[in-house]
Protein backbone atom coordinates (compact mmCIF):
# COMPACT_ATOMS: atom_id res chain seq x y z
CA MET A 1 -19.87 29.99 -13.68
CA ARG A 2 -18.70 29.12 -10.23
CA GLN A 3 -15.05 28.34 -9.64
CA VAL A 4 -14.24 24.87 -8.38
CA LYS A 5 -10.97 24.15 -6.60
CA ARG A 6 -9.51 20.78 -5.79
CA TRP A 7 -7.65 20.37 -2.54
CA LEU A 8 -5.71 17.56 -1.01
CA ILE A 9 -6.43 16.80 2.62
CA ILE A 10 -4.13 14.56 4.57
CA VAL A 11 -5.85 13.87 7.82
CA SER A 12 -5.62 11.44 10.64
CA LEU A 13 -7.29 10.49 13.77
CA GLY A 14 -4.49 12.57 15.23
CA LEU A 15 -2.09 13.78 12.48
CA ALA A 16 -1.54 15.33 9.07
CA LEU A 17 1.24 15.97 6.57
CA ALA A 18 1.50 18.04 3.44
CA GLY A 19 3.81 19.62 0.90
CA CYS A 20 3.54 21.34 -2.45
CA GLY A 21 5.64 22.56 -5.34
CA THR A 22 8.88 21.29 -6.73
CA THR A 23 10.78 21.94 -3.50
CA TYR A 24 8.14 20.23 -1.35
CA GLN A 25 8.47 22.58 1.60
CA GLY A 26 7.20 20.66 4.59
CA LEU A 27 4.39 21.78 6.85
CA PRO A 28 4.23 20.71 10.49
CA ILE A 29 1.95 17.88 11.48
CA VAL A 30 -1.06 19.12 13.39
CA VAL A 31 -3.78 17.50 15.39
CA ARG A 32 -6.63 17.47 12.90
CA SER A 33 -5.96 18.33 9.27
CA ILE A 34 -4.08 20.51 6.83
CA ILE A 35 -5.71 21.54 3.55
CA VAL A 36 -3.18 22.20 0.79
CA PRO A 37 -4.04 23.38 -2.75
CA CYS A 38 -1.65 21.46 -4.94
CA PRO A 39 -3.12 20.66 -8.39
CA GLU A 40 0.18 19.60 -9.97
CA ILE A 41 0.98 16.97 -7.34
CA ASP A 42 -0.61 13.59 -6.75
CA TYR A 43 0.20 12.00 -3.42
CA THR A 44 -0.02 8.28 -4.02
CA ASP A 45 1.07 6.61 -0.79
CA LEU A 46 1.91 7.21 2.85
CA ALA A 47 3.76 4.97 5.31
CA TRP A 48 4.99 5.31 8.90
CA SER A 49 8.23 3.57 9.77
CA PRO A 50 7.80 0.66 12.22
CA ASP A 51 9.89 2.45 14.84
CA GLY A 52 7.77 5.60 14.49
CA SER A 53 10.74 7.82 13.64
CA HIS A 54 9.84 8.74 10.03
CA ILE A 55 6.95 9.20 7.63
CA ALA A 56 7.56 8.34 3.99
CA PHE A 57 5.30 9.29 1.11
CA LEU A 58 5.17 9.12 -2.67
CA ALA A 59 4.52 12.22 -4.74
CA GLU A 60 3.82 11.97 -8.45
CA THR A 61 3.73 14.89 -10.86
CA GLN A 62 1.44 15.19 -13.85
CA ASN A 63 4.09 13.68 -16.13
CA ASN A 64 3.98 10.47 -14.04
CA ALA A 65 7.40 11.10 -12.51
CA GLY A 66 7.11 9.76 -8.97
CA TYR A 67 9.53 10.35 -6.11
CA VAL A 68 10.01 9.07 -2.57
CA PHE A 69 10.13 11.59 0.27
CA VAL A 70 10.71 11.08 3.99
CA MET A 71 10.36 13.37 7.00
CA ASN A 72 10.20 13.32 10.77
CA PRO A 73 6.76 12.98 12.39
CA ASP A 74 6.86 16.69 13.31
CA GLY A 75 7.39 17.67 9.65
CA ALA A 76 11.08 18.47 10.10
CA ASP A 77 13.99 17.16 8.01
CA LEU A 78 11.98 16.67 4.82
CA ARG A 79 14.17 14.82 2.31
CA GLN A 80 13.72 13.60 -1.25
CA LEU A 81 15.26 10.13 -1.37
CA THR A 82 14.93 9.38 -5.09
CA ASN A 83 15.79 11.40 -8.20
CA GLN A 84 15.20 8.87 -10.96
CA PRO A 85 11.77 9.53 -12.51
CA GLY A 86 9.31 6.70 -12.79
CA HIS A 87 5.97 5.43 -11.57
CA ARG A 88 6.37 4.18 -8.00
CA VAL A 89 3.62 2.42 -6.03
CA SER A 90 3.07 0.24 -2.94
CA LEU A 91 5.41 2.03 -0.55
CA ALA A 92 6.34 -0.04 2.54
CA TRP A 93 9.04 0.04 5.20
CA LEU A 94 11.50 -2.74 5.88
CA PRO A 95 10.81 -4.33 9.28
CA ASP A 96 13.88 -2.75 10.91
CA SER A 97 13.03 0.77 9.56
CA SER A 98 16.35 0.88 7.69
CA GLY A 99 14.79 1.46 4.29
CA LEU A 100 11.75 1.21 2.05
CA SER A 101 10.41 -1.19 -0.53
CA TYR A 102 8.15 -0.24 -3.43
CA PHE A 103 7.60 -0.88 -7.11
CA LEU A 104 9.28 1.20 -9.82
CA ASP A 105 7.59 0.71 -13.16
CA ASN A 106 6.20 -2.66 -11.93
CA TYR A 107 9.58 -3.87 -10.70
CA PRO A 108 10.24 -4.23 -6.94
CA GLN A 109 12.94 -2.03 -5.42
CA VAL A 110 14.55 -1.58 -2.02
CA LEU A 111 15.82 1.86 -1.00
CA PRO A 112 18.06 2.38 2.07
CA LEU A 113 17.12 5.29 4.28
CA SER A 114 20.72 6.59 4.29
CA PRO A 115 21.24 9.96 2.56
CA ASN A 116 23.21 8.34 -0.25
CA GLY A 117 20.90 5.38 -0.60
CA VAL A 118 20.60 3.84 -4.05
CA GLU A 119 17.60 1.94 -5.34
CA GLN A 120 18.37 -1.77 -5.43
CA PRO A 121 16.16 -3.95 -7.65
CA VAL A 122 14.82 -7.10 -6.04
CA PRO A 123 15.30 -10.09 -8.36
CA VAL A 124 12.04 -11.39 -9.77
CA PRO A 125 12.28 -14.99 -10.92
CA HIS A 126 10.79 -16.41 -14.07
CA VAL A 127 8.10 -18.97 -13.34
CA SER A 128 6.82 -21.64 -15.66
CA THR A 129 3.17 -20.58 -15.33
CA GLY A 130 3.59 -17.32 -17.24
CA PRO A 131 4.29 -13.60 -16.69
CA ILE A 132 4.13 -12.44 -13.06
CA ASN A 133 1.38 -9.89 -12.43
CA ASP A 134 2.00 -8.79 -8.80
CA VAL A 135 4.94 -9.20 -6.45
CA ALA A 136 5.19 -8.76 -2.65
CA LEU A 137 8.37 -9.23 -0.66
CA SER A 138 7.99 -11.24 2.55
CA PRO A 139 8.78 -9.38 5.81
CA ASP A 140 12.01 -11.35 6.24
CA GLY A 141 13.05 -10.60 2.65
CA LYS A 142 13.50 -14.29 1.79
CA ARG A 143 10.42 -15.09 -0.27
CA LEU A 144 8.02 -13.51 -2.75
CA ALA A 145 4.24 -13.74 -2.94
CA ILE A 146 3.18 -13.35 -6.57
CA SER A 147 0.13 -13.57 -8.77
CA ALA A 148 0.58 -15.32 -12.08
CA PRO A 149 -1.57 -17.21 -14.60
CA LEU A 150 -2.19 -20.91 -14.13
CA SER A 151 -0.31 -21.65 -17.35
CA PRO A 152 0.74 -19.88 -20.56
CA SER A 153 -2.59 -20.93 -22.07
CA GLU A 154 -4.80 -20.25 -19.02
CA PRO A 155 -4.86 -16.53 -18.07
CA THR A 156 -6.71 -16.83 -14.76
CA LEU A 157 -4.47 -15.38 -12.03
CA GLU A 158 -3.68 -17.29 -8.85
CA VAL A 159 -1.49 -16.53 -5.83
CA TYR A 160 1.84 -18.33 -5.40
CA THR A 161 4.90 -18.04 -3.19
CA VAL A 162 8.43 -18.57 -4.48
CA ASN A 163 12.02 -18.09 -3.38
CA LEU A 164 13.95 -15.17 -4.86
CA ASP A 165 15.91 -17.55 -7.09
CA GLY A 166 12.72 -19.04 -8.53
CA SER A 167 12.85 -22.28 -6.56
CA ASP A 168 10.10 -23.83 -4.44
CA LEU A 169 7.14 -22.39 -6.36
CA LYS A 170 3.92 -23.11 -4.43
CA ARG A 171 0.42 -22.40 -5.64
CA LEU A 172 -1.72 -21.11 -2.77
CA SER A 173 -5.11 -20.00 -4.13
CA ASN A 174 -7.34 -22.45 -5.93
CA ASP A 175 -10.67 -21.34 -7.33
CA PRO A 176 -12.17 -20.51 -10.75
CA TYR A 177 -11.90 -16.74 -10.22
CA ALA A 178 -8.95 -14.37 -10.40
CA ASP A 179 -6.80 -13.94 -7.27
CA ALA A 180 -4.11 -11.26 -7.29
CA GLY A 181 -2.42 -8.51 -5.29
CA PRO A 182 -0.94 -10.65 -2.46
CA LEU A 183 0.11 -8.74 0.66
CA TRP A 184 2.05 -10.31 3.56
CA SER A 185 1.04 -9.53 7.12
CA PRO A 186 3.86 -7.87 9.10
CA ASP A 187 4.43 -11.06 11.12
CA GLY A 188 4.71 -13.09 7.90
CA ASN A 189 1.97 -15.53 8.94
CA TRP A 190 -0.85 -14.36 6.65
CA ILE A 191 -1.35 -13.22 3.07
CA ALA A 192 -4.23 -10.99 2.03
CA TYR A 193 -5.21 -10.86 -1.63
CA ALA A 194 -7.72 -9.45 -4.11
CA HIS A 195 -10.43 -11.84 -5.27
CA VAL A 196 -12.55 -10.75 -8.22
CA GLU A 197 -15.85 -12.55 -8.71
CA GLN A 198 -18.40 -11.47 -11.32
CA ASN A 199 -16.62 -8.12 -11.67
CA ARG A 200 -16.93 -7.40 -7.95
CA PRO A 201 -13.77 -7.02 -5.83
CA TYR A 202 -13.44 -8.97 -2.60
CA ILE A 203 -10.63 -9.35 -0.09
CA GLY A 204 -9.35 -12.83 0.72
CA VAL A 205 -7.06 -13.97 3.53
CA MET A 206 -5.04 -17.16 3.98
CA ARG A 207 -2.11 -18.51 5.94
CA ALA A 208 1.29 -18.08 4.33
CA ASP A 209 1.24 -21.80 3.44
CA GLY A 210 -2.16 -21.45 1.70
CA SER A 211 -4.27 -22.97 4.47
CA ASP A 212 -7.33 -21.38 6.12
CA GLN A 213 -8.40 -19.58 2.95
CA LYS A 214 -11.38 -17.29 3.39
CA ILE A 215 -13.05 -14.60 1.27
CA VAL A 216 -13.52 -12.05 4.02
CA VAL A 217 -15.38 -9.01 2.70
CA PRO A 218 -16.13 -6.91 -0.40
CA GLY A 219 -13.57 -4.14 -0.70
CA THR A 220 -10.32 -2.80 -2.10
CA TYR A 221 -7.00 -1.27 -1.00
CA TYR A 222 -6.32 -3.50 1.98
CA GLN A 223 -3.55 -2.92 4.52
CA TRP A 224 -2.48 -4.92 7.56
CA SER A 225 -2.25 -3.33 10.97
CA PRO A 226 1.27 -3.40 12.47
CA ASP A 227 0.35 -6.26 14.83
CA SER A 228 -1.27 -8.28 11.98
CA ALA A 229 -4.52 -8.44 13.98
CA TRP A 230 -6.60 -6.28 11.61
CA LEU A 231 -7.04 -5.48 7.95
CA GLY A 232 -7.92 -1.98 6.86
CA PHE A 233 -9.77 -1.67 3.57
CA ILE A 234 -11.84 0.73 1.51
CA SER A 235 -15.40 -0.24 0.76
CA TYR A 236 -18.56 1.36 -0.55
CA PRO A 237 -21.39 -0.63 1.03
CA SER A 238 -24.86 0.66 1.84
CA THR A 239 -23.75 0.96 5.48
CA GLY A 240 -21.25 3.69 4.63
CA ALA A 241 -18.40 4.53 2.28
CA GLY A 242 -14.87 4.91 3.60
CA ILE A 243 -12.15 3.04 5.45
CA HIS A 244 -13.22 -0.05 7.36
CA VAL A 245 -11.28 -2.43 9.57
CA ILE A 246 -11.90 -6.15 10.03
CA ARG A 247 -10.19 -9.13 11.64
CA PRO A 248 -8.64 -11.76 9.34
CA ASP A 249 -11.37 -14.22 10.31
CA GLY A 250 -14.06 -11.81 9.07
CA THR A 251 -15.28 -10.62 12.47
CA GLY A 252 -15.28 -7.21 14.10
CA GLU A 253 -15.88 -5.12 10.98
CA ARG A 254 -16.43 -1.43 11.61
CA LEU A 255 -16.39 1.80 9.63
CA VAL A 256 -13.77 4.31 10.80
CA THR A 257 -14.02 7.15 8.23
CA THR A 258 -16.87 8.56 6.15
CA SER A 259 -17.88 11.25 3.69
CA MET A 260 -14.55 11.72 1.88
CA ASP A 261 -12.96 10.46 -1.31
CA THR A 262 -10.06 8.58 0.28
CA ILE A 263 -6.87 8.40 -1.79
CA PHE A 264 -4.65 6.35 0.52
CA TYR A 265 -4.09 5.62 4.19
CA SER A 266 -1.56 4.16 6.62
CA TRP A 267 -1.65 2.63 10.08
CA LEU A 268 0.38 4.40 12.73
CA PRO A 269 3.26 2.28 14.07
CA ASP A 270 1.45 1.34 17.28
CA GLY A 271 -1.73 0.40 15.38
CA SER A 272 -3.87 2.75 17.45
CA HIS A 273 -4.83 5.12 14.63
CA ILE A 274 -5.05 5.35 10.85
CA SER A 275 -3.81 8.37 8.90
CA TYR A 276 -5.37 9.00 5.51
CA ALA A 277 -5.55 11.42 2.61
CA ALA A 278 -8.68 12.44 0.73
CA ARG A 279 -9.69 14.76 -2.07
CA LEU A 280 -12.29 17.40 -1.41
CA THR A 281 -13.92 19.67 -3.99
CA ILE A 282 -14.69 23.14 -2.66
CA SER A 283 -16.78 25.55 -4.70
């Protein structure tokens, strides 16, 4: 019987990062890729700070205890920012690079970058439509984009925006299919969202006020470029599996990576490149 090993590759069109074990000893970033055998660790997110000074990532052990780490772009000064176990997802930097936002056990948190930073929960209002499914904090920190059912008796999810105190609830999406996973563009002018139609995932885009709604492309795991001019997404069309980019109006689509099982990816701060991680099975 041949031996099969699983490796984690964190690559970029110009960078890589890696770490393994409970101490997470950092490896320098190099120009192409670093291959790191690390079966007990699951890297679940990666994000460059807007000012380009740090790279943050999430690492989750097999017992679903996830932690936030940060390091310099050269791999130096690797620090573990959180100690409380929990399942963290959707890592993102605050616009001024002073901290990070993410979800801890489905509840939004903000974490200052300071060495003694403490996770601060973001208040999630109760809305009359029913339980909130997804939450995204606006870039200015003043408003939430959420997905919630139309009513307690109608489970179809739609996208809304609401103030942190629960006031000024506005329904944005309006169709018979589920719309969820809202994501603000960095400039706060657009919201991307997941649209599921006949069990097939699509990516939709609209203005922050709900106007100019458009189902752009089939795909998942969408991320805005730093200048809000492009959406990255993962798709598996006949033209090639991997990370694609597309403009919010649906034009300019192109495939930028192929032939790997992509786990996650992140735009570099200047928007010129995309870093990504993928699993590779070597026998």
